[in-house]
Amino acid sequence: MHGLQRSSLCLVAQGAKSVMVGREIYEYDPQHMIVFSVDVPVTSRVVRASRTEPFLALRLNLDPHVIAQLVL
């Protein structure tokens, strides 16, 4: 899947996902999370899932303006 990944924190509860940013490939799973601090174009795919254990994830969108206010 190709798209624009917004600023977010992505957690996986079950399965695994691979994300390509430029030429770099990142994989995240229940032991690893990924954070996008800025909006970036990505290519992604689920790399581990099955009928008995489907891919299950949570994405928390991050608002840079709200985070900047919290930092101050």
C-alpha atoms as a PDB file:
ATOM      1  CA  MET A   1       0.000   0.000   0.000  1.00  0.00           C
ATOM      2  CA  HIS A   2       1.356   3.438  -0.927  1.00  0.00           C
ATOM      3  CA  GLY A   3       0.349   6.559   0.967  1.00  0.00           C
ATOM      4  CA  LEU A   4       1.221   9.479   3.175  1.00  0.00           C
ATOM      5  CA  GLN A   5       1.935   8.535   6.770  1.00  0.00           C
ATOM      6  CA  ARG A   6       0.889  11.312   9.134  1.00  0.00           C
ATOM      7  CA  SER A   7       2.726  12.101  12.365  1.00  0.00           C
ATOM      8  CA  SER A   8       1.818   9.180  14.592  1.00  0.00           C
ATOM      9  CA  LEU A   9       2.795   6.482  17.049  1.00  0.00           C
ATOM     10  CA  CYS A  10       2.100   2.982  15.712  1.00  0.00           C
ATOM     11  CA  LEU A  11       1.826  -0.079  17.959  1.00  0.00           C
ATOM     12  CA  VAL A  12       1.205  -3.679  16.931  1.00  0.00           C
ATOM     13  CA  ALA A  13      -0.640  -6.060  19.244  1.00  0.00           C
ATOM     14  CA  GLN A  14      -0.482  -9.035  16.873  1.00  0.00           C
ATOM     15  CA  GLY A  15       1.364  -9.751  13.629  1.00  0.00           C
ATOM     16  CA  ALA A  16       3.962  -7.533  11.947  1.00  0.00           C
ATOM     17  CA  LYS A  17       4.125  -4.729   9.409  1.00  0.00           C
ATOM     18  CA  SER A  18       6.893  -3.460   7.127  1.00  0.00           C
ATOM     19  CA  VAL A  19       7.196   0.205   6.127  1.00  0.00           C
ATOM     20  CA  MET A  20       9.524   1.612   3.463  1.00  0.00           C
ATOM     21  CA  VAL A  21      10.511   5.278   3.864  1.00  0.00           C
ATOM     22  CA  GLY A  22      12.718   6.251   0.938  1.00  0.00           C
ATOM     23  CA  ARG A  23      15.074   3.287   0.593  1.00  0.00           C
ATOM     24  CA  GLU A  24      14.991   2.348   4.285  1.00  0.00           C
ATOM     25  CA  ILE A  25      12.758  -0.515   5.443  1.00  0.00           C
ATOM     26  CA  TYR A  26      11.448  -0.687   9.008  1.00  0.00           C
ATOM     27  CA  GLU A  27       9.525  -3.593  10.501  1.00  0.00           C
ATOM     28  CA  TYR A  28       7.488  -3.355  13.658  1.00  0.00           C
ATOM     29  CA  ASP A  29       5.680  -5.973  15.693  1.00  0.00           C
ATOM     30  CA  PRO A  30       4.483  -6.489  19.290  1.00  0.00           C
ATOM     31  CA  GLN A  31       8.063  -5.999  20.551  1.00  0.00           C
ATOM     32  CA  HIS A  32       8.781  -2.898  18.422  1.00  0.00           C
ATOM     33  CA  MET A  33       6.878   0.312  17.753  1.00  0.00           C
ATOM     34  CA  ILE A  34       7.402   3.038  15.177  1.00  0.00           C
ATOM     35  CA  VAL A  35       7.022   6.810  15.501  1.00  0.00           C
ATOM     36  CA  PHE A  36       6.605   9.195  12.590  1.00  0.00           C
ATOM     37  CA  SER A  37       7.497  12.703  13.754  1.00  0.00           C
ATOM     38  CA  VAL A  38       6.604  14.318  10.401  1.00  0.00           C
ATOM     39  CA  ASP A  39       4.324  13.422   7.507  1.00  0.00           C
ATOM     40  CA  VAL A  40       6.201  11.182   5.033  1.00  0.00           C
ATOM     41  CA  PRO A  41       5.325   9.189   1.905  1.00  0.00           C
ATOM     42  CA  VAL A  42       5.587   5.460   2.622  1.00  0.00           C
ATOM     43  CA  THR A  43       5.016   2.048   1.150  1.00  0.00           C
ATOM     44  CA  SER A  44       3.745  -0.472   3.687  1.00  0.00           C
ATOM     45  CA  ARG A  45       2.538  -4.037   3.926  1.00  0.00           C
ATOM     46  CA  VAL A  46       1.517  -6.519   6.572  1.00  0.00           C
ATOM     47  CA  VAL A  47       4.230  -9.181   6.688  1.00  0.00           C
ATOM     48  CA  ARG A  48       2.840 -11.463   9.394  1.00  0.00           C
ATOM     49  CA  ALA A  49      -0.827 -12.345   9.796  1.00  0.00           C
ATOM     50  CA  SER A  50      -3.043 -15.398   9.514  1.00  0.00           C
ATOM     51  CA  ARG A  51      -6.695 -16.348   9.807  1.00  0.00           C
ATOM     52  CA  THR A  52      -6.155 -17.523  13.372  1.00  0.00           C
ATOM     53  CA  GLU A  53      -3.936 -14.543  14.315  1.00  0.00           C
ATOM     54  CA  PRO A  54      -4.899 -11.525  12.179  1.00  0.00           C
ATOM     55  CA  PHE A  55      -2.875  -8.314  12.113  1.00  0.00           C
ATOM     56  CA  LEU A  56      -4.007  -6.055  14.961  1.00  0.00           C
ATOM     57  CA  ALA A  57      -2.564  -2.563  15.441  1.00  0.00           C
ATOM     58  CA  LEU A  58      -3.215   0.846  16.951  1.00  0.00           C
ATOM     59  CA  ARG A  59      -2.214   4.178  15.443  1.00  0.00           C
ATOM     60  CA  LEU A  60      -2.237   7.286  17.618  1.00  0.00           C
ATOM     61  CA  ASN A  61      -2.139  10.421  15.474  1.00  0.00           C
ATOM     62  CA  LEU A  62       0.158  13.138  16.810  1.00  0.00           C
ATOM     63  CA  ASP A  63      -0.640  16.838  16.380  1.00  0.00           C
ATOM     64  CA  PRO A  64       2.702  18.709  16.100  1.00  0.00           C
ATOM     65  CA  HIS A  65       1.114  21.965  17.295  1.00  0.00           C
ATOM     66  CA  VAL A  66      -0.243  20.384  20.473  1.00  0.00           C
ATOM     67  CA  ILE A  67       3.095  18.661  21.136  1.00  0.00           C
ATOM     68  CA  ALA A  68       4.948  21.966  20.657  1.00  0.00           C
ATOM     69  CA  GLN A  69       2.659  23.619  23.226  1.00  0.00           C
ATOM     70  CA  LEU A  70       3.294  20.789  25.697  1.00  0.00           C
ATOM     71  CA  VAL A  71       7.060  21.136  25.267  1.00  0.00           C
ATOM     72  CA  LEU A  72       6.873  24.844  26.100  1.00  0.00           C
END
